[in-house]
Amino acid sequence: MRMILFSSRQYDSDTFTEANAAHGYELHFQESHLDADTTVLAQGCEVVCPFVNDHVDAAVLERLHAGGTRLIALRSAGFNHVDLAAAERLGIPIVRVPAYSPHAVAEHAVGLILALNRRLPRAVARTREGDFSLHGLLGFDLHGKTVGVIGTGMIGRVFGRIMAGFGMRVLAHDPGTPADDLLALGARYVPLDTLLAESDVVSLHCPLLPSTYHLIDGAALAKMKRGAMLVNTGRGGLVEANALIGALKDGQLGNLGLDVYEEEGGIFFEDHSNLPLQDDVLARLLMFPNVIVTAHQAFFTREAMNEIAQTTLGNVAAWQAGTPRNAVRAADQA
C-alpha cells in the first residue's frame, strides 16, 4: 500500500522508515506542504499523511479522493487543519496520534518558563561577549507562586504535576472532568477569569476549536495579573497575536513564551535565515527582550518521534484490517 507523508523532513524519514519495518508499506516522503496545488503528488496513494501546517480543507480532500486517497493519517494530535465534515461526506476516515509524549510538550513549556524567568538567552549571549554583570537578569522564585493551567488533558496534567513539584499553587481550567491526579496535588479548578486574575504564569494546553479560538485576546490579557507570564505550547490560534504587542509594550504582559504562532504556516519548520521575515507581528515579537519564540519544537524528542511513527503506521494497519482506531469526526470539531 502506498502512503505519502507531506511536509516531511529527514527526521520523519528516519523514524517512519524504522517503524515501517513491521509493516512494509511503500512510503513516499515529500517536503512540500499539502495544499490544493500539491495534491497531484498523492495520485495513487491510498494513504496521505499530513502534518500540522498542511491544508486539508474540502477542496484538498475532494482532489485527494479523486486521486485514490482513502485514508488521512495525521501524524499529530491536533486536527483543526482538517475539514472533518467534508471528509465524512467523501467517506474518508481521519485518524490521528492522540498521545505521543505528553512529557515532551510539558517539559518544553517548563523550559520556556525557566528561560524567560531567569533571562537565560540574554545571560548566555552576554557572557559569550565577556560581560559577566547581572543587571537586567533579575528573576523570581517559582516556589510559592501561582500557575494557571488551561486545558488539563494528558499534557496539561503532566505540566501541572511538574509545576506542583516546584512548589507552585496550581489553578486549572477545563470544561471537562477535573483530573484526579491534579486534585490530589491540591490543584483547584476555577473559572477562566479567576485563573487569569490570580496566576503569575499562565500556560495553554487546550486544543484549538471554535470555542477556544483566540481564547487569549486583548480582553483576556487585560484580566491577567499585571506583569504575568504567558506560555503557549498548544496551538497558535489560541492566542490573538496582534493583541500581544500592546500588552508587552505597556507591561501588562511581563513575559511571553511561544512554541506555536497563529500564522506559523510557511514560516515554522523552514529556514528563512537569508530572507527578511515577512510577518510583521512575529518580527516585532522577536524584538522584545522578554519574549522567546521556538519553532513548534515542543513535541520534538526521540521518544515522541518514535511514538508518532509507530502510532501513525499502527493506525493505518488497523484501518486496513477493518478495525479503525484513533478516528476523529466532525462532532469533535464543535
C-alpha atoms as a PDB file:
ATOM      1  CA  MET A   1       0.000   0.000   0.000  1.00  0.00           C
ATOM      2  CA  ARG A   2       1.303   3.434  -0.963  1.00  0.00           C
ATOM      3  CA  MET A   3       1.492   6.202   1.624  1.00  0.00           C
ATOM      4  CA  ILE A   4       2.794   9.743   1.172  1.00  0.00           C
ATOM      5  CA  LEU A   5       3.999  11.971   4.000  1.00  0.00           C
ATOM      6  CA  PHE A   6       3.726  15.680   3.249  1.00  0.00           C
ATOM      7  CA  SER A   7       5.883  18.324   4.986  1.00  0.00           C
ATOM      8  CA  SER A   8       8.359  15.589   5.847  1.00  0.00           C
ATOM      9  CA  ARG A   9      11.970  16.098   6.826  1.00  0.00           C
ATOM     10  CA  GLN A  10      14.919  13.776   7.308  1.00  0.00           C
ATOM     11  CA  TYR A  11      13.885  13.012  10.874  1.00  0.00           C
ATOM     12  CA  ASP A  12      10.462  11.877   9.624  1.00  0.00           C
ATOM     13  CA  SER A  13      12.107   9.632   7.051  1.00  0.00           C
ATOM     14  CA  ASP A  14      14.396   8.116   9.672  1.00  0.00           C
ATOM     15  CA  THR A  15      11.716   7.345  12.255  1.00  0.00           C
ATOM     16  CA  PHE A  16       8.998   6.211   9.827  1.00  0.00           C
ATOM     17  CA  THR A  17      11.387   4.012   7.847  1.00  0.00           C
ATOM     18  CA  GLU A  18      12.454   2.284  11.042  1.00  0.00           C
ATOM     19  CA  ALA A  19       8.869   1.832  12.270  1.00  0.00           C
ATOM     20  CA  ASN A  20       7.764   0.625   8.825  1.00  0.00           C
ATOM     21  CA  ALA A  21       9.943  -2.474   9.119  1.00  0.00           C
ATOM     22  CA  ALA A  22       6.991  -4.073  10.923  1.00  0.00           C
ATOM     23  CA  HIS A  23       4.504  -3.126   8.165  1.00  0.00           C
ATOM     24  CA  GLY A  24       6.220  -2.990   4.804  1.00  0.00           C
ATOM     25  CA  TYR A  25       4.242  -0.089   3.331  1.00  0.00           C
ATOM     26  CA  GLU A  26       5.513   1.819   0.322  1.00  0.00           C
ATOM     27  CA  LEU A  27       6.415   5.159   1.899  1.00  0.00           C
ATOM     28  CA  HIS A  28       6.977   8.340  -0.079  1.00  0.00           C
ATOM     29  CA  PHE A  29       8.444  11.363   1.696  1.00  0.00           C
ATOM     30  CA  GLN A  30       7.528  14.767   0.284  1.00  0.00           C
ATOM     31  CA  GLU A  31       8.953  18.030   1.632  1.00  0.00           C
ATOM     32  CA  SER A  32       6.193  20.105   0.043  1.00  0.00           C
ATOM     33  CA  HIS A  33       3.226  21.222   2.096  1.00  0.00           C
ATOM     34  CA  LEU A  34      -0.110  19.677   1.258  1.00  0.00           C
ATOM     35  CA  ASP A  35      -2.473  22.122  -0.419  1.00  0.00           C
ATOM     36  CA  ALA A  36      -4.721  22.246  -3.473  1.00  0.00           C
ATOM     37  CA  ASP A  37      -1.716  22.598  -5.797  1.00  0.00           C
ATOM     38  CA  THR A  38       0.275  19.668  -4.402  1.00  0.00           C
ATOM     39  CA  THR A  39      -2.495  17.078  -4.194  1.00  0.00           C
ATOM     40  CA  VAL A  40      -1.283  15.760  -7.560  1.00  0.00           C
ATOM     41  CA  LEU A  41       1.759  14.376  -5.751  1.00  0.00           C
ATOM     42  CA  ALA A  42      -0.557  12.000  -3.874  1.00  0.00           C
ATOM     43  CA  GLN A  43      -2.015  10.477  -7.040  1.00  0.00           C
ATOM     44  CA  GLY A  44      -2.373   6.739  -6.491  1.00  0.00           C
ATOM     45  CA  CYS A  45      -1.578   6.884  -2.775  1.00  0.00           C
ATOM     46  CA  GLU A  46      -4.259   5.213  -0.663  1.00  0.00           C
ATOM     47  CA  VAL A  47      -2.997   6.933   2.489  1.00  0.00           C
ATOM     48  CA  VAL A  48      -1.997  10.571   2.867  1.00  0.00           C
ATOM     49  CA  CYS A  49      -0.150  11.657   5.996  1.00  0.00           C
ATOM     50  CA  PRO A  50      -0.263  15.441   6.588  1.00  0.00           C
ATOM     51  CA  PHE A  51       1.437  17.471   9.305  1.00  0.00           C
ATOM     52  CA  VAL A  52       0.162  20.355  11.424  1.00  0.00           C
ATOM     53  CA  ASN A  53       0.545  23.188   8.901  1.00  0.00           C
ATOM     54  CA  ASP A  54      -0.738  21.314   5.865  1.00  0.00           C
ATOM     55  CA  HIS A  55      -4.099  22.307   4.396  1.00  0.00           C
ATOM     56  CA  VAL A  56      -6.711  19.564   4.467  1.00  0.00           C
ATOM     57  CA  ASP A  57      -9.780  21.563   3.514  1.00  0.00           C
ATOM     58  CA  ALA A  58     -12.732  20.462   1.398  1.00  0.00           C
ATOM     59  CA  ALA A  59     -11.051  21.282  -1.929  1.00  0.00           C
ATOM     60  CA  VAL A  60      -7.934  19.322  -0.988  1.00  0.00           C
ATOM     61  CA  LEU A  61      -9.956  16.357   0.234  1.00  0.00           C
ATOM     62  CA  GLU A  62     -12.020  16.258  -2.954  1.00  0.00           C
ATOM     63  CA  ARG A  63      -8.877  16.194  -5.109  1.00  0.00           C
ATOM     64  CA  LEU A  64      -7.253  13.551  -2.939  1.00  0.00           C
ATOM     65  CA  HIS A  65     -10.371  11.391  -3.092  1.00  0.00           C
ATOM     66  CA  ALA A  66     -10.463  11.682  -6.875  1.00  0.00           C
ATOM     67  CA  GLY A  67      -6.814  10.598  -6.957  1.00  0.00           C
ATOM     68  CA  GLY A  68      -7.434   7.429  -4.975  1.00  0.00           C
ATOM     69  CA  THR A  69      -6.835   8.500  -1.389  1.00  0.00           C
ATOM     70  CA  ARG A  70      -8.970   6.544   1.072  1.00  0.00           C
ATOM     71  CA  LEU A  71      -7.430   7.454   4.449  1.00  0.00           C
ATOM     72  CA  ILE A  72      -5.959  10.595   6.012  1.00  0.00           C
ATOM     73  CA  ALA A  73      -3.493   9.555   8.720  1.00  0.00           C
ATOM     74  CA  LEU A  74      -2.492  12.650  10.680  1.00  0.00           C
ATOM     75  CA  ARG A  75       0.861  12.452  12.411  1.00  0.00           C
ATOM     76  CA  SER A  76      -0.268  14.915  15.056  1.00  0.00           C
ATOM     77  CA  ALA A  77      -2.765  15.167  17.874  1.00  0.00           C
ATOM     78  CA  GLY A  78      -4.395  18.356  16.594  1.00  0.00           C
ATOM     79  CA  PHE A  79      -6.905  18.219  13.755  1.00  0.00           C
ATOM     80  CA  ASN A  80      -8.029  21.834  13.430  1.00  0.00           C
ATOM     81  CA  HIS A  81      -6.470  21.975   9.931  1.00  0.00           C
ATOM     82  CA  VAL A  82      -8.855  19.299   8.600  1.00  0.00           C
ATOM     83  CA  ASP A  83     -12.393  19.807   7.297  1.00  0.00           C
ATOM     84  CA  LEU A  84     -13.891  16.828   9.086  1.00  0.00           C
ATOM     85  CA  ALA A  85     -17.386  17.393   7.702  1.00  0.00           C
ATOM     86  CA  ALA A  86     -16.055  17.253   4.134  1.00  0.00           C
ATOM     87  CA  ALA A  87     -14.077  14.108   4.970  1.00  0.00           C
ATOM     88  CA  GLU A  88     -17.213  12.416   6.276  1.00  0.00           C
ATOM     89  CA  ARG A  89     -19.151  13.442   3.180  1.00  0.00           C
ATOM     90  CA  LEU A  90     -16.470  11.889   0.974  1.00  0.00           C
ATOM     91  CA  GLY A  91     -16.164   8.795   3.140  1.00  0.00           C
ATOM     92  CA  ILE A  92     -12.515   9.414   4.010  1.00  0.00           C
ATOM     93  CA  PRO A  93     -11.695   8.422   7.603  1.00  0.00           C
ATOM     94  CA  ILE A  94      -9.387  10.742   9.555  1.00  0.00           C
ATOM     95  CA  VAL A  95      -7.124   9.172  12.170  1.00  0.00           C
ATOM     96  CA  ARG A  96      -4.617  10.902  14.402  1.00  0.00           C
ATOM     97  CA  VAL A  97      -1.985  10.405  17.098  1.00  0.00           C
ATOM     98  CA  PRO A  98      -3.894  11.377  20.243  1.00  0.00           C
ATOM     99  CA  ALA A  99      -0.879  10.995  22.527  1.00  0.00           C
ATOM    100  CA  TYR A 100       2.790  10.583  21.747  1.00  0.00           C
ATOM    101  CA  SER A 101       4.824  12.048  24.607  1.00  0.00           C
ATOM    102  CA  PRO A 102       2.928  14.454  26.839  1.00  0.00           C
ATOM    103  CA  HIS A 103       6.184  14.804  28.772  1.00  0.00           C
ATOM    104  CA  ALA A 104       7.923  16.281  25.709  1.00  0.00           C
ATOM    105  CA  VAL A 105       5.497  19.193  25.348  1.00  0.00           C
ATOM    106  CA  ALA A 106       5.043  19.752  29.072  1.00  0.00           C
ATOM    107  CA  GLU A 107       8.787  19.802  29.693  1.00  0.00           C
ATOM    108  CA  HIS A 108       9.305  22.271  26.840  1.00  0.00           C
ATOM    109  CA  ALA A 109       6.718  24.586  28.407  1.00  0.00           C
ATOM    110  CA  VAL A 110       8.630  24.381  31.681  1.00  0.00           C
ATOM    111  CA  GLY A 111      11.859  25.122  29.804  1.00  0.00           C
ATOM    112  CA  LEU A 112      10.331  28.279  28.345  1.00  0.00           C
ATOM    113  CA  ILE A 113       9.209  29.395  31.803  1.00  0.00           C
ATOM    114  CA  LEU A 114      12.670  28.895  33.307  1.00  0.00           C
ATOM    115  CA  ALA A 115      14.448  30.554  30.376  1.00  0.00           C
ATOM    116  CA  LEU A 116      12.139  33.576  30.467  1.00  0.00           C
ATOM    117  CA  ASN A 117      12.179  33.975  34.213  1.00  0.00           C
ATOM    118  CA  ARG A 118      15.956  33.740  34.598  1.00  0.00           C
ATOM    119  CA  ARG A 119      16.707  35.590  31.327  1.00  0.00           C
ATOM    120  CA  LEU A 120      18.844  32.681  30.126  1.00  0.00           C
ATOM    121  CA  PRO A 121      19.183  33.646  26.422  1.00  0.00           C
ATOM    122  CA  ARG A 122      20.305  37.133  27.411  1.00  0.00           C
ATOM    123  CA  ALA A 123      22.680  35.789  30.063  1.00  0.00           C
ATOM    124  CA  VAL A 124      24.323  33.336  27.645  1.00  0.00           C
ATOM    125  CA  ALA A 125      24.734  35.966  24.929  1.00  0.00           C
ATOM    126  CA  ARG A 126      26.216  38.372  27.456  1.00  0.00           C
ATOM    127  CA  THR A 127      28.811  36.000  28.934  1.00  0.00           C
ATOM    128  CA  ARG A 128      29.946  34.968  25.452  1.00  0.00           C
ATOM    129  CA  GLU A 129      30.839  38.610  24.893  1.00  0.00           C
ATOM    130  CA  GLY A 130      32.755  38.770  28.162  1.00  0.00           C
ATOM    131  CA  ASP A 131      30.050  40.590  30.131  1.00  0.00           C
ATOM    132  CA  PHE A 132      29.545  38.828  33.471  1.00  0.00           C
ATOM    133  CA  SER A 133      27.404  41.512  35.114  1.00  0.00           C
ATOM    134  CA  LEU A 134      23.954  40.704  36.466  1.00  0.00           C
ATOM    135  CA  HIS A 135      21.968  43.832  35.651  1.00  0.00           C
ATOM    136  CA  GLY A 136      18.742  43.065  33.821  1.00  0.00           C
ATOM    137  CA  LEU A 137      18.773  39.391  34.791  1.00  0.00           C
ATOM    138  CA  LEU A 138      16.639  39.534  37.934  1.00  0.00           C
ATOM    139  CA  GLY A 139      14.053  36.752  38.083  1.00  0.00           C
ATOM    140  CA  PHE A 140      11.689  35.437  40.747  1.00  0.00           C
ATOM    141  CA  ASP A 141      11.206  32.243  42.714  1.00  0.00           C
ATOM    142  CA  LEU A 142       8.636  29.950  41.157  1.00  0.00           C
ATOM    143  CA  HIS A 143       8.134  28.383  44.567  1.00  0.00           C
ATOM    144  CA  GLY A 144       5.069  29.884  46.197  1.00  0.00           C
ATOM    145  CA  LYS A 145       3.775  31.500  43.017  1.00  0.00           C
ATOM    146  CA  THR A 146       0.577  30.553  41.163  1.00  0.00           C
ATOM    147  CA  VAL A 147       0.477  28.798  37.804  1.00  0.00           C
ATOM    148  CA  GLY A 148      -2.683  28.634  35.710  1.00  0.00           C
ATOM    149  CA  VAL A 149      -3.113  25.553  33.519  1.00  0.00           C
ATOM    150  CA  ILE A 150      -5.673  25.990  30.748  1.00  0.00           C
ATOM    151  CA  GLY A 151      -6.569  22.549  29.451  1.00  0.00           C
ATOM    152  CA  THR A 152      -5.903  19.505  31.611  1.00  0.00           C
ATOM    153  CA  GLY A 153      -5.669  16.697  29.120  1.00  0.00           C
ATOM    154  CA  MET A 154      -2.590  14.494  29.206  1.00  0.00           C
ATOM    155  CA  ILE A 155      -0.119  17.310  28.512  1.00  0.00           C
ATOM    156  CA  GLY A 156      -1.752  19.786  30.874  1.00  0.00           C
ATOM    157  CA  ARG A 157      -1.805  17.215  33.656  1.00  0.00           C
ATOM    158  CA  VAL A 158       1.899  16.385  33.227  1.00  0.00           C
ATOM    159  CA  PHE A 159       2.691  20.099  33.174  1.00  0.00           C
ATOM    160  CA  GLY A 160       0.618  20.711  36.304  1.00  0.00           C
ATOM    161  CA  ARG A 161       2.378  17.918  38.172  1.00  0.00           C
ATOM    162  CA  ILE A 162       5.796  19.322  37.245  1.00  0.00           C
ATOM    163  CA  MET A 163       4.870  22.814  38.390  1.00  0.00           C
ATOM    164  CA  ALA A 164       3.426  21.456  41.637  1.00  0.00           C
ATOM    165  CA  GLY A 165       6.846  19.887  42.149  1.00  0.00           C
ATOM    166  CA  PHE A 166       8.330  23.384  42.017  1.00  0.00           C
ATOM    167  CA  GLY A 167       6.112  24.272  44.932  1.00  0.00           C
ATOM    168  CA  MET A 168       3.687  26.342  42.882  1.00  0.00           C
ATOM    169  CA  ARG A 169      -0.013  26.719  43.605  1.00  0.00           C
ATOM    170  CA  VAL A 170      -1.883  25.193  40.671  1.00  0.00           C
ATOM    171  CA  LEU A 171      -5.089  26.640  39.249  1.00  0.00           C
ATOM    172  CA  ALA A 172      -6.765  24.761  36.404  1.00  0.00           C
ATOM    173  CA  HIS A 173      -9.476  25.458  33.877  1.00  0.00           C
ATOM    174  CA  ASP A 174     -11.063  22.820  31.663  1.00  0.00           C
ATOM    175  CA  PRO A 175     -14.683  22.288  30.601  1.00  0.00           C
ATOM    176  CA  GLY A 176     -14.259  18.541  31.058  1.00  0.00           C
ATOM    177  CA  THR A 177     -13.977  16.403  34.165  1.00  0.00           C
ATOM    178  CA  PRO A 178     -11.346  17.603  36.664  1.00  0.00           C
ATOM    179  CA  ALA A 179      -8.188  15.495  36.693  1.00  0.00           C
ATOM    180  CA  ASP A 180      -7.921  13.412  39.850  1.00  0.00           C
ATOM    181  CA  ASP A 181      -4.119  13.476  39.879  1.00  0.00           C
ATOM    182  CA  LEU A 182      -4.079  17.291  39.857  1.00  0.00           C
ATOM    183  CA  LEU A 183      -6.770  17.483  42.526  1.00  0.00           C
ATOM    184  CA  ALA A 184      -4.705  15.125  44.679  1.00  0.00           C
ATOM    185  CA  LEU A 185      -1.807  17.598  44.431  1.00  0.00           C
ATOM    186  CA  GLY A 186      -4.013  20.432  45.643  1.00  0.00           C
ATOM    187  CA  ALA A 187      -4.922  21.946  42.291  1.00  0.00           C
ATOM    188  CA  ARG A 188      -8.129  23.963  42.192  1.00  0.00           C
ATOM    189  CA  TYR A 189     -10.428  24.205  39.178  1.00  0.00           C
ATOM    190  CA  VAL A 190     -11.663  27.745  38.685  1.00  0.00           C
ATOM    191  CA  PRO A 191     -13.418  29.877  36.030  1.00  0.00           C
ATOM    192  CA  LEU A 192     -11.122  31.275  33.348  1.00  0.00           C
ATOM    193  CA  ASP A 193     -11.372  34.855  34.629  1.00  0.00           C
ATOM    194  CA  THR A 194     -10.292  33.755  38.099  1.00  0.00           C
ATOM    195  CA  LEU A 195      -7.338  31.835  36.693  1.00  0.00           C
ATOM    196  CA  LEU A 196      -6.190  34.813  34.638  1.00  0.00           C
ATOM    197  CA  ALA A 197      -6.516  37.249  37.532  1.00  0.00           C
ATOM    198  CA  GLU A 198      -4.639  35.136  40.084  1.00  0.00           C
ATOM    199  CA  SER A 199      -1.895  33.407  38.068  1.00  0.00           C
ATOM    200  CA  ASP A 200       1.712  34.548  37.881  1.00  0.00           C
ATOM    201  CA  VAL A 201       2.232  32.132  34.984  1.00  0.00           C
ATOM    202  CA  VAL A 202      -0.471  31.055  32.511  1.00  0.00           C
ATOM    203  CA  SER A 203       0.197  28.046  30.270  1.00  0.00           C
ATOM    204  CA  LEU A 204      -2.048  26.897  27.413  1.00  0.00           C
ATOM    205  CA  HIS A 205      -2.587  23.183  26.800  1.00  0.00           C
ATOM    206  CA  CYS A 206      -6.029  23.034  25.187  1.00  0.00           C
ATOM    207  CA  PRO A 207      -6.984  22.055  21.620  1.00  0.00           C
ATOM    208  CA  LEU A 208      -7.882  24.632  19.005  1.00  0.00           C
ATOM    209  CA  LEU A 209     -11.642  24.527  18.495  1.00  0.00           C
ATOM    210  CA  PRO A 210     -14.183  27.216  17.590  1.00  0.00           C
ATOM    211  CA  SER A 211     -14.774  27.618  21.322  1.00  0.00           C
ATOM    212  CA  THR A 212     -11.068  28.169  22.060  1.00  0.00           C
ATOM    213  CA  TYR A 213     -10.088  30.281  19.055  1.00  0.00           C
ATOM    214  CA  HIS A 214      -8.465  33.492  20.390  1.00  0.00           C
ATOM    215  CA  LEU A 215      -9.161  32.321  23.918  1.00  0.00           C
ATOM    216  CA  ILE A 216      -6.440  34.754  24.915  1.00  0.00           C
ATOM    217  CA  ASP A 217      -7.305  38.051  23.244  1.00  0.00           C
ATOM    218  CA  GLY A 218      -6.940  41.671  24.285  1.00  0.00           C
ATOM    219  CA  ALA A 219      -9.729  41.388  26.857  1.00  0.00           C
ATOM    220  CA  ALA A 220      -8.229  38.246  28.390  1.00  0.00           C
ATOM    221  CA  LEU A 221      -4.757  39.800  28.550  1.00  0.00           C
ATOM    222  CA  ALA A 222      -6.236  42.790  30.395  1.00  0.00           C
ATOM    223  CA  LYS A 223      -7.668  40.417  33.009  1.00  0.00           C
ATOM    224  CA  MET A 224      -4.287  38.845  33.739  1.00  0.00           C
ATOM    225  CA  LYS A 225      -2.206  39.842  36.729  1.00  0.00           C
ATOM    226  CA  ARG A 226      -0.004  42.729  35.630  1.00  0.00           C
ATOM    227  CA  GLY A 227       3.463  41.504  34.684  1.00  0.00           C
ATOM    228  CA  ALA A 228       2.397  37.851  34.462  1.00  0.00           C
ATOM    229  CA  MET A 229       3.934  35.332  32.082  1.00  0.00           C
ATOM    230  CA  LEU A 230       2.059  33.654  29.221  1.00  0.00           C
ATOM    231  CA  VAL A 231       3.250  30.421  27.600  1.00  0.00           C
ATOM    232  CA  ASN A 232       1.622  28.727  24.608  1.00  0.00           C
ATOM    233  CA  THR A 233       2.731  25.263  23.506  1.00  0.00           C
ATOM    234  CA  GLY A 234      -0.767  24.302  22.318  1.00  0.00           C
ATOM    235  CA  ARG A 235      -1.942  25.822  19.045  1.00  0.00           C
ATOM    236  CA  GLY A 236      -1.187  29.261  17.639  1.00  0.00           C
ATOM    237  CA  GLY A 237      -4.823  30.225  17.160  1.00  0.00           C
ATOM    238  CA  LEU A 238      -5.451  30.063  20.896  1.00  0.00           C
ATOM    239  CA  VAL A 239      -3.806  33.493  21.170  1.00  0.00           C
ATOM    240  CA  GLU A 240      -4.653  36.639  19.222  1.00  0.00           C
ATOM    241  CA  ALA A 241      -1.151  37.549  18.107  1.00  0.00           C
ATOM    242  CA  ASN A 242      -1.889  41.221  17.397  1.00  0.00           C
ATOM    243  CA  ALA A 243      -3.071  41.742  20.971  1.00  0.00           C
ATOM    244  CA  LEU A 244       0.269  40.620  22.368  1.00  0.00           C
ATOM    245  CA  ILE A 245       2.199  43.644  21.106  1.00  0.00           C
ATOM    246  CA  GLY A 246       0.278  46.228  23.118  1.00  0.00           C
ATOM    247  CA  ALA A 247       0.256  44.070  26.244  1.00  0.00           C
ATOM    248  CA  LEU A 248       4.024  43.686  26.070  1.00  0.00           C
ATOM    249  CA  LYS A 249       4.651  47.363  25.352  1.00  0.00           C
ATOM    250  CA  ASP A 250       2.676  48.627  28.348  1.00  0.00           C
ATOM    251  CA  GLY A 251       3.983  45.956  30.730  1.00  0.00           C
ATOM    252  CA  GLN A 252       0.642  44.229  31.264  1.00  0.00           C
ATOM    253  CA  LEU A 253       2.313  41.076  29.949  1.00  0.00           C
ATOM    254  CA  GLY A 254       5.641  40.573  31.661  1.00  0.00           C
ATOM    255  CA  ASN A 255       6.995  37.603  29.703  1.00  0.00           C
ATOM    256  CA  LEU A 256       5.859  35.616  26.680  1.00  0.00           C
ATOM    257  CA  GLY A 257       6.907  32.155  25.538  1.00  0.00           C
ATOM    258  CA  LEU A 258       5.553  30.810  22.246  1.00  0.00           C
ATOM    259  CA  ASP A 259       6.246  27.475  20.627  1.00  0.00           C
ATOM    260  CA  VAL A 260       3.305  27.983  18.266  1.00  0.00           C
ATOM    261  CA  TYR A 261       2.140  31.047  16.391  1.00  0.00           C
ATOM    262  CA  GLU A 262      -1.155  31.943  14.779  1.00  0.00           C
ATOM    263  CA  GLU A 263       0.342  32.489  11.302  1.00  0.00           C
ATOM    264  CA  GLU A 264       3.184  29.977  11.546  1.00  0.00           C
ATOM    265  CA  GLY A 265       2.293  28.175   8.306  1.00  0.00           C
ATOM    266  CA  GLY A 266       5.002  28.748   5.721  1.00  0.00           C
ATOM    267  CA  ILE A 267       7.385  30.057   8.398  1.00  0.00           C
ATOM    268  CA  PHE A 268       7.911  27.367  11.015  1.00  0.00           C
ATOM    269  CA  PHE A 269       9.841  24.214  10.025  1.00  0.00           C
ATOM    270  CA  GLU A 270      11.620  26.227   7.299  1.00  0.00           C
ATOM    271  CA  ASP A 271      14.959  28.074   7.134  1.00  0.00           C
ATOM    272  CA  HIS A 272      14.356  31.759   6.420  1.00  0.00           C
ATOM    273  CA  SER A 273      17.702  32.989   7.748  1.00  0.00           C
ATOM    274  CA  ASN A 274      18.737  34.500   4.409  1.00  0.00           C
ATOM    275  CA  LEU A 275      15.458  36.352   3.882  1.00  0.00           C
ATOM    276  CA  PRO A 276      13.676  39.218   5.648  1.00  0.00           C
ATOM    277  CA  LEU A 277      10.890  37.956   7.872  1.00  0.00           C
ATOM    278  CA  GLN A 278       7.643  38.810   6.109  1.00  0.00           C
ATOM    279  CA  ASP A 279       5.325  38.504   9.120  1.00  0.00           C
ATOM    280  CA  ASP A 280       5.367  41.939  10.770  1.00  0.00           C
ATOM    281  CA  VAL A 281       3.746  40.798  14.043  1.00  0.00           C
ATOM    282  CA  LEU A 282       6.185  37.940  14.523  1.00  0.00           C
ATOM    283  CA  ALA A 283       9.103  40.213  13.631  1.00  0.00           C
ATOM    284  CA  ARG A 284       8.007  42.682  16.328  1.00  0.00           C
ATOM    285  CA  LEU A 285       7.539  39.954  18.908  1.00  0.00           C
ATOM    286  CA  LEU A 286      11.070  38.702  18.298  1.00  0.00           C
ATOM    287  CA  MET A 287      12.428  42.161  19.140  1.00  0.00           C
ATOM    288  CA  PHE A 288      11.163  42.111  22.735  1.00  0.00           C
ATOM    289  CA  PRO A 289      13.808  41.004  25.259  1.00  0.00           C
ATOM    290  CA  ASN A 290      11.139  39.301  27.376  1.00  0.00           C
ATOM    291  CA  VAL A 291       9.843  37.097  24.551  1.00  0.00           C
ATOM    292  CA  ILE A 292      11.091  33.677  23.481  1.00  0.00           C
ATOM    293  CA  VAL A 293       9.751  32.047  20.327  1.00  0.00           C
ATOM    294  CA  THR A 294      10.634  28.469  19.420  1.00  0.00           C
ATOM    295  CA  ALA A 295       9.576  26.938  16.113  1.00  0.00           C
ATOM    296  CA  HIS A 296       6.940  24.363  17.116  1.00  0.00           C
ATOM    297  CA  GLN A 297       9.580  22.079  18.587  1.00  0.00           C
ATOM    298  CA  ALA A 298       7.911  21.148  21.881  1.00  0.00           C
ATOM    299  CA  PHE A 299       6.992  17.698  20.547  1.00  0.00           C
ATOM    300  CA  PHE A 300      10.479  17.091  19.153  1.00  0.00           C
ATOM    301  CA  THR A 301      12.090  14.393  21.283  1.00  0.00           C
ATOM    302  CA  ARG A 302      13.347  10.949  20.278  1.00  0.00           C
ATOM    303  CA  GLU A 303      10.627   9.287  22.297  1.00  0.00           C
ATOM    304  CA  ALA A 304       7.849  11.393  20.797  1.00  0.00           C
ATOM    305  CA  MET A 305       9.062  10.971  17.206  1.00  0.00           C
ATOM    306  CA  ASN A 306       9.236   7.189  17.587  1.00  0.00           C
ATOM    307  CA  GLU A 307       5.769   7.085  19.126  1.00  0.00           C
ATOM    308  CA  ILE A 308       4.325   9.279  16.367  1.00  0.00           C
ATOM    309  CA  ALA A 309       5.698   6.970  13.674  1.00  0.00           C
ATOM    310  CA  GLN A 310       4.584   3.785  15.394  1.00  0.00           C
ATOM    311  CA  THR A 311       1.096   5.075  16.195  1.00  0.00           C
ATOM    312  CA  THR A 312       0.550   6.538  12.722  1.00  0.00           C
ATOM    313  CA  LEU A 313       1.528   3.320  10.975  1.00  0.00           C
ATOM    314  CA  GLY A 314      -0.442   1.321  13.536  1.00  0.00           C
ATOM    315  CA  ASN A 315      -3.491   3.442  12.721  1.00  0.00           C
ATOM    316  CA  VAL A 316      -3.042   2.620   9.039  1.00  0.00           C
ATOM    317  CA  ALA A 317      -2.747  -1.092   9.815  1.00  0.00           C
ATOM    318  CA  ALA A 318      -5.877  -1.017  11.969  1.00  0.00           C
ATOM    319  CA  TRP A 319      -7.836   0.734   9.199  1.00  0.00           C
ATOM    320  CA  GLN A 320      -6.567  -1.769   6.655  1.00  0.00           C
ATOM    321  CA  ALA A 321      -7.738  -4.595   8.916  1.00  0.00           C
ATOM    322  CA  GLY A 322     -11.193  -3.062   9.186  1.00  0.00           C
ATOM    323  CA  THR A 323     -10.816  -2.062  12.817  1.00  0.00           C
ATOM    324  CA  PRO A 324     -10.015   1.666  12.645  1.00  0.00           C
ATOM    325  CA  ARG A 325      -8.749   3.393  15.764  1.00  0.00           C
ATOM    326  CA  ASN A 326      -7.966   6.954  16.874  1.00  0.00           C
ATOM    327  CA  ALA A 327     -10.521   8.357  14.430  1.00  0.00           C
ATOM    328  CA  VAL A 328     -11.860  11.900  14.672  1.00  0.00           C
ATOM    329  CA  ARG A 329     -15.228  13.054  13.380  1.00  0.00           C
ATOM    330  CA  ALA A 330     -16.996  16.304  12.627  1.00  0.00           C
ATOM    331  CA  ALA A 331     -18.635  16.280  16.047  1.00  0.00           C
ATOM    332  CA  ASP A 332     -15.145  16.514  17.616  1.00  0.00           C
ATOM    333  CA  GLN A 333     -14.579  19.877  15.913  1.00  0.00           C
ATOM    334  CA  ALA A 334     -17.513  21.596  17.617  1.00  0.00           C
END
